[in-house]
Amino acid sequence: RSGLVFLQAALGAFAARIFVGFFFIRMFHDSGCLSIYEW
């Protein structure tokens, strides 16, 4: 219908992986939680 315009959002998602990987993941994993909402 509209071409590759959605790839702009996919690029934002790629950047988000780096953000989450460095600011969230260690915190959740090392807390020992079974659910991240326990944090």
PDB file of all heavy atoms in Angstrom:
ATOM      1  N   ARG A   1       0.811  -1.212   0.000  1.00  0.00           N
ATOM      2  CA  ARG A   1       0.000   0.000   0.000  1.00  0.00           C
ATOM      3  C   ARG A   1       0.845   1.263   0.000  1.00  0.00           C
ATOM      4  O   ARG A   1       0.579   2.204  -0.751  1.00  0.00           O
ATOM      5  CB  ARG A   1      -0.923  -0.002   1.223  1.00  0.00           C
ATOM      6  CG  ARG A   1      -1.800   1.215   1.376  1.00  0.00           C
ATOM      7  CD  ARG A   1      -2.824   1.050   2.486  1.00  0.00           C
ATOM      8  NE  ARG A   1      -2.206   0.693   3.754  1.00  0.00           N
ATOM      9  CZ  ARG A   1      -2.404  -0.474   4.371  1.00  0.00           C
ATOM     10  NH1 ARG A   1      -3.178  -1.394   3.828  1.00  0.00           N
ATOM     11  NH2 ARG A   1      -1.829  -0.730   5.528  1.00  0.00           N
ATOM     12  N   SER A   2       1.900   1.299   0.830  1.00  0.00           N
ATOM     13  CA  SER A   2       2.611   2.584   1.020  1.00  0.00           C
ATOM     14  C   SER A   2       4.125   2.476   0.980  1.00  0.00           C
ATOM     15  O   SER A   2       4.803   3.463   1.246  1.00  0.00           O
ATOM     16  CB  SER A   2       2.182   3.215   2.348  1.00  0.00           C
ATOM     17  OG  SER A   2       2.417   2.332   3.417  1.00  0.00           O
ATOM     18  N   GLY A   3       4.683   1.302   0.692  1.00  0.00           N
ATOM     19  CA  GLY A   3       6.130   1.192   0.559  1.00  0.00           C
ATOM     20  C   GLY A   3       6.827   0.860   1.873  1.00  0.00           C
ATOM     21  O   GLY A   3       6.247   0.255   2.769  1.00  0.00           O
ATOM     22  N   LEU A   4       8.068   1.299   1.974  1.00  0.00           N
ATOM     23  CA  LEU A   4       8.927   0.915   3.092  1.00  0.00           C
ATOM     24  C   LEU A   4       8.871   1.884   4.265  1.00  0.00           C
ATOM     25  O   LEU A   4       9.769   1.893   5.111  1.00  0.00           O
ATOM     26  CB  LEU A   4      10.381   0.799   2.611  1.00  0.00           C
ATOM     27  CG  LEU A   4      10.660  -0.184   1.479  1.00  0.00           C
ATOM     28  CD1 LEU A   4      12.161  -0.255   1.183  1.00  0.00           C
ATOM     29  CD2 LEU A   4      10.132  -1.575   1.816  1.00  0.00           C
ATOM     30  N   VAL A   5       7.820   2.683   4.345  1.00  0.00           N
ATOM     31  CA  VAL A   5       7.744   3.711   5.383  1.00  0.00           C
ATOM     32  C   VAL A   5       7.815   3.104   6.784  1.00  0.00           C
ATOM     33  O   VAL A   5       8.350   3.727   7.721  1.00  0.00           O
ATOM     34  CB  VAL A   5       6.455   4.547   5.199  1.00  0.00           C
ATOM     35  CG1 VAL A   5       5.219   3.687   5.363  1.00  0.00           C
ATOM     36  CG2 VAL A   5       6.411   5.713   6.156  1.00  0.00           C
ATOM     37  N   PHE A   6       7.309   1.879   6.955  1.00  0.00           N
ATOM     38  CA  PHE A   6       7.326   1.250   8.277  1.00  0.00           C
ATOM     39  C   PHE A   6       8.739   0.998   8.783  1.00  0.00           C
ATOM     40  O   PHE A   6       8.961   0.882   9.997  1.00  0.00           O
ATOM     41  CB  PHE A   6       6.554  -0.076   8.240  1.00  0.00           C
ATOM     42  CG  PHE A   6       6.540  -0.801   9.560  1.00  0.00           C
ATOM     43  CD1 PHE A   6       5.745  -0.359  10.605  1.00  0.00           C
ATOM     44  CD2 PHE A   6       7.342  -1.911   9.771  1.00  0.00           C
ATOM     45  CE1 PHE A   6       5.746  -1.012  11.825  1.00  0.00           C
ATOM     46  CE2 PHE A   6       7.344  -2.580  10.990  1.00  0.00           C
ATOM     47  CZ  PHE A   6       6.537  -2.127  12.019  1.00  0.00           C
ATOM     48  N   LEU A   7       9.708   0.950   7.863  1.00  0.00           N
ATOM     49  CA  LEU A   7      11.083   0.687   8.271  1.00  0.00           C
ATOM     50  C   LEU A   7      11.617   1.796   9.185  1.00  0.00           C
ATOM     51  O   LEU A   7      12.549   1.566   9.963  1.00  0.00           O
ATOM     52  CB  LEU A   7      11.976   0.544   7.034  1.00  0.00           C
ATOM     53  CG  LEU A   7      13.264  -0.268   7.193  1.00  0.00           C
ATOM     54  CD1 LEU A   7      12.984  -1.651   7.739  1.00  0.00           C
ATOM     55  CD2 LEU A   7      14.000  -0.367   5.864  1.00  0.00           C
ATOM     56  N   GLN A   8      11.037   2.987   9.111  1.00  0.00           N
ATOM     57  CA  GLN A   8      11.435   4.064  10.029  1.00  0.00           C
ATOM     58  C   GLN A   8      11.144   3.666  11.473  1.00  0.00           C
ATOM     59  O   GLN A   8      11.962   3.912  12.369  1.00  0.00           O
ATOM     60  CB  GLN A   8      10.691   5.355   9.678  1.00  0.00           C
ATOM     61  CG  GLN A   8      11.000   5.878   8.284  1.00  0.00           C
ATOM     62  CD  GLN A   8      10.132   7.071   7.918  1.00  0.00           C
ATOM     63  OE1 GLN A   8      10.617   8.143   7.579  1.00  0.00           O
ATOM     64  NE2 GLN A   8       8.822   6.892   7.985  1.00  0.00           N
ATOM     65  N   ALA A   9       9.985   3.059  11.698  1.00  0.00           N
ATOM     66  CA  ALA A   9       9.645   2.581  13.039  1.00  0.00           C
ATOM     67  C   ALA A   9      10.563   1.438  13.454  1.00  0.00           C
ATOM     68  O   ALA A   9      10.950   1.330  14.620  1.00  0.00           O
ATOM     69  CB  ALA A   9       8.185   2.142  13.087  1.00  0.00           C
ATOM     70  N   ALA A  10      10.923   0.565  12.500  1.00  0.00           N
ATOM     71  CA  ALA A  10      11.814  -0.553  12.807  1.00  0.00           C
ATOM     72  C   ALA A  10      13.200  -0.053  13.227  1.00  0.00           C
ATOM     73  O   ALA A  10      13.854  -0.660  14.083  1.00  0.00           O
ATOM     74  CB  ALA A  10      11.926  -1.476  11.598  1.00  0.00           C
ATOM     75  N   LEU A  11      13.642   1.049  12.648  1.00  0.00           N
ATOM     76  CA  LEU A  11      14.927   1.633  13.058  1.00  0.00           C
ATOM     77  C   LEU A  11      14.836   2.171  14.483  1.00  0.00           C
ATOM     78  O   LEU A  11      15.783   2.051  15.267  1.00  0.00           O
ATOM     79  CB  LEU A  11      15.329   2.753  12.088  1.00  0.00           C
ATOM     80  CG  LEU A  11      15.731   2.300  10.683  1.00  0.00           C
ATOM     81  CD1 LEU A  11      15.862   3.505   9.763  1.00  0.00           C
ATOM     82  CD2 LEU A  11      17.044   1.526  10.723  1.00  0.00           C
ATOM     83  N   GLY A  12      13.700   2.764  14.834  1.00  0.00           N
ATOM     84  CA  GLY A  12      13.501   3.211  16.209  1.00  0.00           C
ATOM     85  C   GLY A  12      13.516   2.043  17.173  1.00  0.00           C
ATOM     86  O   GLY A  12      14.071   2.129  18.278  1.00  0.00           O
ATOM     87  N   ALA A  13      12.941   0.905  16.758  1.00  0.00           N
ATOM     88  CA  ALA A  13      12.947  -0.288  17.601  1.00  0.00           C
ATOM     89  C   ALA A  13      14.362  -0.819  17.800  1.00  0.00           C
ATOM     90  O   ALA A  13      14.709  -1.318  18.877  1.00  0.00           O
ATOM     91  CB  ALA A  13      12.060  -1.367  16.972  1.00  0.00           C
ATOM     92  N   PHE A  14      15.193  -0.719  16.783  1.00  0.00           N
ATOM     93  CA  PHE A  14      16.587  -1.159  16.911  1.00  0.00           C
ATOM     94  C   PHE A  14      17.321  -0.312  17.952  1.00  0.00           C
ATOM     95  O   PHE A  14      18.060  -0.833  18.800  1.00  0.00           O
ATOM     96  CB  PHE A  14      17.298  -1.054  15.555  1.00  0.00           C
ATOM     97  CG  PHE A  14      18.721  -1.525  15.576  1.00  0.00           C
ATOM     98  CD1 PHE A  14      19.019  -2.872  15.473  1.00  0.00           C
ATOM     99  CD2 PHE A  14      19.766  -0.617  15.708  1.00  0.00           C
ATOM    100  CE1 PHE A  14      20.337  -3.312  15.496  1.00  0.00           C
ATOM    101  CE2 PHE A  14      21.080  -1.043  15.733  1.00  0.00           C
ATOM    102  CZ  PHE A  14      21.358  -2.406  15.628  1.00  0.00           C
ATOM    103  N   ALA A  15      17.104   1.010  17.912  1.00  0.00           N
ATOM    104  CA  ALA A  15      17.729   1.898  18.899  1.00  0.00           C
ATOM    105  C   ALA A  15      17.225   1.589  20.304  1.00  0.00           C
ATOM    106  O   ALA A  15      17.984   1.657  21.286  1.00  0.00           O
ATOM    107  CB  ALA A  15      17.443   3.354  18.537  1.00  0.00           C
ATOM    108  N   ALA A  16      15.950   1.221  20.421  1.00  0.00           N
ATOM    109  CA  ALA A  16      15.379   0.914  21.734  1.00  0.00           C
ATOM    110  C   ALA A  16      16.031  -0.309  22.359  1.00  0.00           C
ATOM    111  O   ALA A  16      16.157  -0.396  23.585  1.00  0.00           O
ATOM    112  CB  ALA A  16      13.875   0.701  21.606  1.00  0.00           C
ATOM    113  N   ARG A  17      16.454  -1.263  21.543  1.00  0.00           N
ATOM    114  CA  ARG A  17      17.117  -2.458  22.073  1.00  0.00           C
ATOM    115  C   ARG A  17      18.396  -2.082  22.827  1.00  0.00           C
ATOM    116  O   ARG A  17      18.699  -2.654  23.878  1.00  0.00           O
ATOM    117  CB  ARG A  17      17.464  -3.418  20.932  1.00  0.00           C
ATOM    118  CG  ARG A  17      16.312  -4.248  20.451  1.00  0.00           C
ATOM    119  CD  ARG A  17      16.720  -5.084  19.242  1.00  0.00           C
ATOM    120  NE  ARG A  17      15.819  -6.192  19.033  1.00  0.00           N
ATOM    121  CZ  ARG A  17      14.638  -6.114  18.467  1.00  0.00           C
ATOM    122  NH1 ARG A  17      14.210  -4.940  18.037  1.00  0.00           N
ATOM    123  NH2 ARG A  17      13.874  -7.179  18.321  1.00  0.00           N
ATOM    124  N   ILE A  18      19.138  -1.168  22.288  1.00  0.00           N
ATOM    125  CA  ILE A  18      20.375  -0.732  22.946  1.00  0.00           C
ATOM    126  C   ILE A  18      20.041  -0.030  24.258  1.00  0.00           C
ATOM    127  O   ILE A  18      20.659  -0.279  25.300  1.00  0.00           O
ATOM    128  CB  ILE A  18      21.170   0.201  22.009  1.00  0.00           C
ATOM    129  CG1 ILE A  18      21.529  -0.558  20.719  1.00  0.00           C
ATOM    130  CG2 ILE A  18      22.424   0.719  22.693  1.00  0.00           C
ATOM    131  CD1 ILE A  18      22.156   0.304  19.653  1.00  0.00           C
ATOM    132  N   PHE A  19      19.019   0.826  24.225  1.00  0.00           N
ATOM    133  CA  PHE A  19      18.587   1.549  25.423  1.00  0.00           C
ATOM    134  C   PHE A  19      18.159   0.577  26.521  1.00  0.00           C
ATOM    135  O   PHE A  19      18.615   0.651  27.665  1.00  0.00           O
ATOM    136  CB  PHE A  19      17.445   2.490  25.044  1.00  0.00           C
ATOM    137  CG  PHE A  19      16.771   3.153  26.211  1.00  0.00           C
ATOM    138  CD1 PHE A  19      17.348   4.238  26.846  1.00  0.00           C
ATOM    139  CD2 PHE A  19      15.546   2.680  26.675  1.00  0.00           C
ATOM    140  CE1 PHE A  19      16.725   4.848  27.922  1.00  0.00           C
ATOM    141  CE2 PHE A  19      14.917   3.280  27.745  1.00  0.00           C
ATOM    142  CZ  PHE A  19      15.509   4.366  28.374  1.00  0.00           C
ATOM    143  N   VAL A  20      17.293  -0.368  26.180  1.00  0.00           N
ATOM    144  CA  VAL A  20      16.784  -1.328  27.160  1.00  0.00           C
ATOM    145  C   VAL A  20      17.905  -2.246  27.636  1.00  0.00           C
ATOM    146  O   VAL A  20      18.009  -2.556  28.831  1.00  0.00           O
ATOM    147  CB  VAL A  20      15.635  -2.155  26.550  1.00  0.00           C
ATOM    148  CG1 VAL A  20      15.245  -3.308  27.471  1.00  0.00           C
ATOM    149  CG2 VAL A  20      14.427  -1.265  26.296  1.00  0.00           C
ATOM    150  N   GLY A  21      18.757  -2.674  26.714  1.00  0.00           N
ATOM    151  CA  GLY A  21      19.840  -3.574  27.077  1.00  0.00           C
ATOM    152  C   GLY A  21      20.779  -2.998  28.122  1.00  0.00           C
ATOM    153  O   GLY A  21      21.253  -3.723  29.013  1.00  0.00           O
ATOM    154  N   PHE A  22      21.023  -1.697  28.064  1.00  0.00           N
ATOM    155  CA  PHE A  22      21.989  -1.094  28.976  1.00  0.00           C
ATOM    156  C   PHE A  22      21.365  -0.453  30.211  1.00  0.00           C
ATOM    157  O   PHE A  22      22.059  -0.235  31.202  1.00  0.00           O
ATOM    158  CB  PHE A  22      22.828  -0.053  28.224  1.00  0.00           C
ATOM    159  CG  PHE A  22      23.899  -0.674  27.369  1.00  0.00           C
ATOM    160  CD1 PHE A  22      23.652  -0.994  26.048  1.00  0.00           C
ATOM    161  CD2 PHE A  22      25.139  -0.989  27.896  1.00  0.00           C
ATOM    162  CE1 PHE A  22      24.623  -1.589  25.261  1.00  0.00           C
ATOM    163  CE2 PHE A  22      26.126  -1.584  27.126  1.00  0.00           C
ATOM    164  CZ  PHE A  22      25.865  -1.883  25.798  1.00  0.00           C
ATOM    165  N   PHE A  23      20.054  -0.174  30.191  1.00  0.00           N
ATOM    166  CA  PHE A  23      19.454   0.501  31.340  1.00  0.00           C
ATOM    167  C   PHE A  23      18.466  -0.352  32.124  1.00  0.00           C
ATOM    168  O   PHE A  23      18.203  -0.069  33.286  1.00  0.00           O
ATOM    169  CB  PHE A  23      18.748   1.785  30.890  1.00  0.00           C
ATOM    170  CG  PHE A  23      19.694   2.887  30.493  1.00  0.00           C
ATOM    171  CD1 PHE A  23      19.910   3.171  29.160  1.00  0.00           C
ATOM    172  CD2 PHE A  23      20.383   3.613  31.453  1.00  0.00           C
ATOM    173  CE1 PHE A  23      20.784   4.180  28.785  1.00  0.00           C
ATOM    174  CE2 PHE A  23      21.267   4.623  31.085  1.00  0.00           C
ATOM    175  CZ  PHE A  23      21.468   4.905  29.740  1.00  0.00           C
ATOM    176  N   PHE A  24      17.908  -1.411  31.497  1.00  0.00           N
ATOM    177  CA  PHE A  24      16.864  -2.175  32.169  1.00  0.00           C
ATOM    178  C   PHE A  24      17.259  -3.608  32.508  1.00  0.00           C
ATOM    179  O   PHE A  24      16.938  -4.094  33.593  1.00  0.00           O
ATOM    180  CB  PHE A  24      15.607  -2.228  31.284  1.00  0.00           C
ATOM    181  CG  PHE A  24      14.783  -0.969  31.282  1.00  0.00           C
ATOM    182  CD1 PHE A  24      15.364   0.284  31.328  1.00  0.00           C
ATOM    183  CD2 PHE A  24      13.405  -1.033  31.212  1.00  0.00           C
ATOM    184  CE1 PHE A  24      14.609   1.444  31.307  1.00  0.00           C
ATOM    185  CE2 PHE A  24      12.630   0.108  31.181  1.00  0.00           C
ATOM    186  CZ  PHE A  24      13.236   1.350  31.234  1.00  0.00           C
ATOM    187  N   ILE A  25      17.927  -4.285  31.580  1.00  0.00           N
ATOM    188  CA  ILE A  25      18.066  -5.737  31.670  1.00  0.00           C
ATOM    189  C   ILE A  25      18.837  -6.182  32.914  1.00  0.00           C
ATOM    190  O   ILE A  25      18.398  -7.087  33.648  1.00  0.00           O
ATOM    191  CB  ILE A  25      18.731  -6.298  30.402  1.00  0.00           C
ATOM    192  CG1 ILE A  25      17.821  -6.054  29.189  1.00  0.00           C
ATOM    193  CG2 ILE A  25      19.018  -7.788  30.559  1.00  0.00           C
ATOM    194  CD1 ILE A  25      16.438  -6.658  29.323  1.00  0.00           C
ATOM    195  N   ARG A  26      19.985  -5.598  33.177  1.00  0.00           N
ATOM    196  CA  ARG A  26      20.770  -6.013  34.347  1.00  0.00           C
ATOM    197  C   ARG A  26      19.975  -5.837  35.625  1.00  0.00           C
ATOM    198  O   ARG A  26      19.997  -6.702  36.514  1.00  0.00           O
ATOM    199  CB  ARG A  26      22.075  -5.205  34.422  1.00  0.00           C
ATOM    200  CG  ARG A  26      22.926  -5.550  35.654  1.00  0.00           C
ATOM    201  CD  ARG A  26      24.191  -4.715  35.693  1.00  0.00           C
ATOM    202  NE  ARG A  26      23.905  -3.304  35.801  1.00  0.00           N
ATOM    203  CZ  ARG A  26      23.636  -2.682  36.953  1.00  0.00           C
ATOM    204  NH1 ARG A  26      23.580  -3.372  38.084  1.00  0.00           N
ATOM    205  NH2 ARG A  26      23.399  -1.389  36.971  1.00  0.00           N
ATOM    206  N   MET A  27      19.245  -4.736  35.700  1.00  0.00           N
ATOM    207  CA  MET A  27      18.455  -4.430  36.883  1.00  0.00           C
ATOM    208  C   MET A  27      17.404  -5.516  37.143  1.00  0.00           C
ATOM    209  O   MET A  27      17.253  -6.003  38.263  1.00  0.00           O
ATOM    210  CB  MET A  27      17.790  -3.075  36.657  1.00  0.00           C
ATOM    211  CG  MET A  27      16.855  -2.603  37.714  1.00  0.00           C
ATOM    212  SD  MET A  27      16.223  -0.990  37.236  1.00  0.00           S
ATOM    213  CE  MET A  27      15.355  -1.376  35.727  1.00  0.00           C
ATOM    214  N   PHE A  28      16.701  -5.930  36.082  1.00  0.00           N
ATOM    215  CA  PHE A  28      15.664  -6.944  36.250  1.00  0.00           C
ATOM    216  C   PHE A  28      16.268  -8.309  36.550  1.00  0.00           C
ATOM    217  O   PHE A  28      15.821  -9.013  37.453  1.00  0.00           O
ATOM    218  CB  PHE A  28      14.808  -7.041  34.983  1.00  0.00           C
ATOM    219  CG  PHE A  28      14.007  -5.809  34.685  1.00  0.00           C
ATOM    220  CD1 PHE A  28      13.644  -5.499  33.384  1.00  0.00           C
ATOM    221  CD2 PHE A  28      13.602  -4.952  35.694  1.00  0.00           C
ATOM    222  CE1 PHE A  28      12.906  -4.366  33.095  1.00  0.00           C
ATOM    223  CE2 PHE A  28      12.862  -3.817  35.420  1.00  0.00           C
ATOM    224  CZ  PHE A  28      12.515  -3.526  34.107  1.00  0.00           C
ATOM    225  N   HIS A  29      17.262  -8.700  35.774  1.00  0.00           N
ATOM    226  CA  HIS A  29      17.822 -10.045  35.899  1.00  0.00           C
ATOM    227  C   HIS A  29      18.492 -10.234  37.256  1.00  0.00           C
ATOM    228  O   HIS A  29      18.294 -11.261  37.923  1.00  0.00           O
ATOM    229  CB  HIS A  29      18.818 -10.300  34.771  1.00  0.00           C
ATOM    230  CG  HIS A  29      19.195 -11.733  34.605  1.00  0.00           C
ATOM    231  ND1 HIS A  29      20.094 -12.367  35.433  1.00  0.00           N
ATOM    232  CD2 HIS A  29      18.794 -12.669  33.713  1.00  0.00           C
ATOM    233  CE1 HIS A  29      20.233 -13.618  35.068  1.00  0.00           C
ATOM    234  NE2 HIS A  29      19.450 -13.837  34.017  1.00  0.00           N
ATOM    235  N   ASP A  30      19.272  -9.252  37.666  1.00  0.00           N
ATOM    236  CA  ASP A  30      20.014  -9.401  38.917  1.00  0.00           C
ATOM    237  C   ASP A  30      19.135  -9.280  40.159  1.00  0.00           C
ATOM    238  O   ASP A  30      19.560  -9.643  41.254  1.00  0.00           O
ATOM    239  CB  ASP A  30      21.140  -8.358  38.983  1.00  0.00           C
ATOM    240  CG  ASP A  30      22.222  -8.621  37.948  1.00  0.00           C
ATOM    241  OD1 ASP A  30      22.170  -9.691  37.306  1.00  0.00           O
ATOM    242  OD2 ASP A  30      23.111  -7.765  37.770  1.00  0.00           O
ATOM    243  N   SER A  31      17.906  -8.786  39.996  1.00  0.00           N
ATOM    244  CA  SER A  31      17.004  -8.667  41.150  1.00  0.00           C
ATOM    245  C   SER A  31      16.442 -10.026  41.573  1.00  0.00           C
ATOM    246  O   SER A  31      15.917 -10.154  42.674  1.00  0.00           O
ATOM    247  CB  SER A  31      15.841  -7.727  40.812  1.00  0.00           C
ATOM    248  OG  SER A  31      14.954  -8.330  39.884  1.00  0.00           O
ATOM    249  N   GLY A  32      16.548 -11.017  40.681  1.00  0.00           N
ATOM    250  CA  GLY A  32      16.017 -12.336  40.996  1.00  0.00           C
ATOM    251  C   GLY A  32      14.514 -12.440  40.872  1.00  0.00           C
ATOM    252  O   GLY A  32      13.917 -13.422  41.333  1.00  0.00           O
ATOM    253  N   CYS A  33      13.863 -11.468  40.240  1.00  0.00           N
ATOM    254  CA  CYS A  33      12.412 -11.469  40.109  1.00  0.00           C
ATOM    255  C   CYS A  33      11.953 -12.523  39.100  1.00  0.00           C
ATOM    256  O   CYS A  33      12.630 -12.790  38.113  1.00  0.00           O
ATOM    257  CB  CYS A  33      11.920 -10.101  39.639  1.00  0.00           C
ATOM    258  SG  CYS A  33      12.207  -8.763  40.822  1.00  0.00           S
ATOM    259  N   LEU A  34      10.787 -13.101  39.351  1.00  0.00           N
ATOM    260  CA  LEU A  34      10.151 -13.977  38.369  1.00  0.00           C
ATOM    261  C   LEU A  34       9.331 -13.177  37.372  1.00  0.00           C
ATOM    262  O   LEU A  34       9.088 -13.626  36.255  1.00  0.00           O
ATOM    263  CB  LEU A  34       9.244 -14.996  39.066  1.00  0.00           C
ATOM    264  CG  LEU A  34       9.910 -15.954  40.058  1.00  0.00           C
ATOM    265  CD1 LEU A  34       8.883 -16.920  40.625  1.00  0.00           C
ATOM    266  CD2 LEU A  34      11.056 -16.698  39.407  1.00  0.00           C
ATOM    267  N   SER A  35       8.896 -12.010  37.783  1.00  0.00           N
ATOM    268  CA  SER A  35       8.167 -11.086  36.926  1.00  0.00           C
ATOM    269  C   SER A  35       8.806  -9.710  37.095  1.00  0.00           C
ATOM    270  O   SER A  35       9.143  -9.308  38.213  1.00  0.00           O
ATOM    271  CB  SER A  35       6.690 -11.037  37.322  1.00  0.00           C
ATOM    272  OG  SER A  35       6.068  -9.861  36.837  1.00  0.00           O
ATOM    273  N   ILE A  36       8.959  -8.979  35.990  1.00  0.00           N
ATOM    274  CA  ILE A  36       9.595  -7.661  36.090  1.00  0.00           C
ATOM    275  C   ILE A  36       8.771  -6.695  36.923  1.00  0.00           C
ATOM    276  O   ILE A  36       9.302  -5.704  37.439  1.00  0.00           O
ATOM    277  CB  ILE A  36       9.869  -7.059  34.692  1.00  0.00           C
ATOM    278  CG1 ILE A  36       8.557  -6.924  33.891  1.00  0.00           C
ATOM    279  CG2 ILE A  36      10.880  -7.898  33.937  1.00  0.00           C
ATOM    280  CD1 ILE A  36       8.732  -6.200  32.579  1.00  0.00           C
ATOM    281  N   TYR A  37       7.488  -6.975  37.102  1.00  0.00           N
ATOM    282  CA  TYR A  37       6.649  -6.068  37.883  1.00  0.00           C
ATOM    283  C   TYR A  37       6.915  -6.205  39.384  1.00  0.00           C
ATOM    284  O   TYR A  37       6.539  -5.319  40.159  1.00  0.00           O
ATOM    285  CB  TYR A  37       5.175  -6.305  37.542  1.00  0.00           C
ATOM    286  CG  TYR A  37       4.984  -6.308  36.051  1.00  0.00           C
ATOM    287  CD1 TYR A  37       4.553  -7.451  35.385  1.00  0.00           C
ATOM    288  CD2 TYR A  37       5.321  -5.197  35.280  1.00  0.00           C
ATOM    289  CE1 TYR A  37       4.438  -7.475  34.010  1.00  0.00           C
ATOM    290  CE2 TYR A  37       5.204  -5.210  33.905  1.00  0.00           C
ATOM    291  CZ  TYR A  37       4.763  -6.359  33.273  1.00  0.00           C
ATOM    292  OH  TYR A  37       4.671  -6.382  31.911  1.00  0.00           O
ATOM    293  N   GLU A  38       7.562  -7.297  39.782  1.00  0.00           N
ATOM    294  CA  GLU A  38       8.006  -7.413  41.169  1.00  0.00           C
ATOM    295  C   GLU A  38       9.053  -6.350  41.491  1.00  0.00           C
ATOM    296  O   GLU A  38       9.170  -5.911  42.635  1.00  0.00           O
ATOM    297  CB  GLU A  38       8.570  -8.806  41.427  1.00  0.00           C
ATOM    298  CG  GLU A  38       7.522  -9.908  41.442  1.00  0.00           C
ATOM    299  CD  GLU A  38       8.116 -11.261  41.795  1.00  0.00           C
ATOM    300  OE1 GLU A  38       9.045 -11.720  41.079  1.00  0.00           O
ATOM    301  OE2 GLU A  38       7.671 -11.859  42.792  1.00  0.00           O
ATOM    302  N   TRP A  39       9.832  -5.963  40.488  1.00  0.00           N
ATOM    303  CA  TRP A  39      10.815  -4.894  40.709  1.00  0.00           C
ATOM    304  C   TRP A  39      10.105  -3.596  41.080  1.00  0.00           C
ATOM    305  O   TRP A  39      10.569  -2.852  41.963  1.00  0.00           O
ATOM    306  CB  TRP A  39      11.678  -4.692  39.460  1.00  0.00           C
ATOM    307  CG  TRP A  39      12.743  -3.670  39.654  1.00  0.00           C
ATOM    308  CD1 TRP A  39      13.995  -3.860  40.146  1.00  0.00           C
ATOM    309  CD2 TRP A  39      12.628  -2.255  39.375  1.00  0.00           C
ATOM    310  NE1 TRP A  39      14.680  -2.673  40.194  1.00  0.00           N
ATOM    311  CE2 TRP A  39      13.864  -1.673  39.725  1.00  0.00           C
ATOM    312  CE3 TRP A  39      11.633  -1.439  38.874  1.00  0.00           C
ATOM    313  CZ2 TRP A  39      14.116  -0.306  39.586  1.00  0.00           C
ATOM    314  CZ3 TRP A  39      11.873  -0.078  38.734  1.00  0.00           C
ATOM    315  CH2 TRP A  39      13.099   0.465  39.082  1.00  0.00           C
TER     316      TRP A  39
END
